[in-house]
Protein backbone atom coordinates (compact mmCIF):
# COMPACT_ATOMS: atom_id res chain seq x y z
CA MET A 1 0.02 0.02 0.13
CA THR A 2 1.23 3.48 -0.75
CA VAL A 3 0.29 6.48 1.18
CA ILE A 4 1.38 10.04 1.70
CA ASP A 5 3.86 10.83 4.45
CA VAL A 6 2.05 13.57 6.15
CA ALA A 7 5.23 14.71 8.31
CA ALA A 8 7.87 14.28 5.58
CA THR A 9 5.46 16.17 3.04
CA GLY A 10 5.20 18.97 5.64
CA ASN A 11 9.13 18.88 6.40
CA ASN A 12 9.84 18.84 2.30
CA LEU A 13 7.22 21.74 2.14
CA ARG A 14 8.37 23.91 4.85
CA THR A 15 12.08 23.29 3.56
CA MET A 16 11.07 24.03 0.11
CA CYS A 17 9.64 27.59 0.80
CA ILE A 18 12.40 28.43 3.30
CA SER A 19 14.80 27.67 -0.12
CA ALA A 20 12.59 29.58 -2.22
CA GLY A 21 11.95 32.56 -0.04
CA VAL A 22 8.34 31.93 0.30
CA THR A 23 6.99 32.97 3.55
CA PRO A 24 3.79 31.14 5.42
CA LYS A 25 2.00 34.74 4.48
CA ASP A 26 2.96 34.33 0.93
CA MET A 27 1.33 30.68 0.75
CA GLN A 28 -1.49 32.13 2.83
CA ASP A 29 -2.11 34.95 0.19
CA ALA A 30 -1.75 32.42 -2.86
CA CYS A 31 -4.23 29.96 -1.78
CA GLY A 32 -6.67 32.60 -0.61
CA LEU A 33 -6.47 31.62 2.93
CA THR A 34 -8.24 33.65 5.57
CA THR A 35 -5.47 32.62 7.97
CA ARG A 36 -2.09 30.94 7.98
CA ASN A 37 -3.33 27.87 10.48
CA ALA A 38 -3.43 25.36 7.71
CA VAL A 39 -0.09 26.45 6.34
CA TYR A 40 1.45 26.00 9.70
CA LYS A 41 -0.64 22.56 9.83
CA TRP A 42 1.16 21.58 6.58
CA PHE A 43 4.75 22.96 7.69
CA ASN A 44 4.25 20.90 11.13
CA GLY A 45 3.21 17.62 8.93
CA THR A 46 -0.48 17.52 10.79
CA ALA A 47 -2.26 17.99 7.66
CA VAL A 48 -1.71 18.04 3.64
CA PRO A 49 -3.00 20.75 1.31
CA ASN A 50 -5.90 19.52 -0.82
CA ILE A 51 -5.26 19.33 -4.34
CA ASP A 52 -6.22 22.71 -5.51
CA ASN A 53 -3.69 24.01 -3.08
CA LEU A 54 -1.19 21.90 -4.32
CA VAL A 55 -1.42 23.25 -7.88
CA ILE A 56 -1.29 26.53 -6.56
CA ILE A 57 1.79 25.64 -4.14
CA ALA A 58 3.64 23.87 -7.18
CA ASP A 59 3.22 27.09 -8.88
CA VAL A 60 4.30 29.48 -6.52
CA LEU A 61 7.72 27.34 -5.61
CA GLY A 62 8.18 26.65 -9.50
CA THR A 63 8.05 23.03 -9.28
CA THR A 64 5.51 19.84 -9.65
CA ILE A 65 3.41 18.07 -6.90
CA ASP A 66 5.14 14.70 -7.10
CA LYS A 67 8.41 16.92 -5.91
CA ILE A 68 6.38 18.40 -2.89
CA ILE A 69 4.63 14.97 -2.00
CA CYS A 70 6.62 12.27 -0.03
CA ILE A 71 5.09 8.80 0.21
CA LYS A 72 5.73 5.77 1.91
CA ARG A 73 5.00 2.21 1.10
CA TYR A 74 3.99 -0.38 3.41
């Protein structure tokens, strides 16, 4: 079985944002979120962005969704 590794994906997303100079506020604005709570949950690995937000995030970071998502196999 293959699943999204939520913790690793959050860490990866946070690292990619830092490298690109993209702040949580930038992510909030790009995704049209009213608060940064969701962004912090993504970064902390307690949630993953929905597919719509993943498309936006990939565009902002100049990458693809498969470079953001980390998977694990059982």
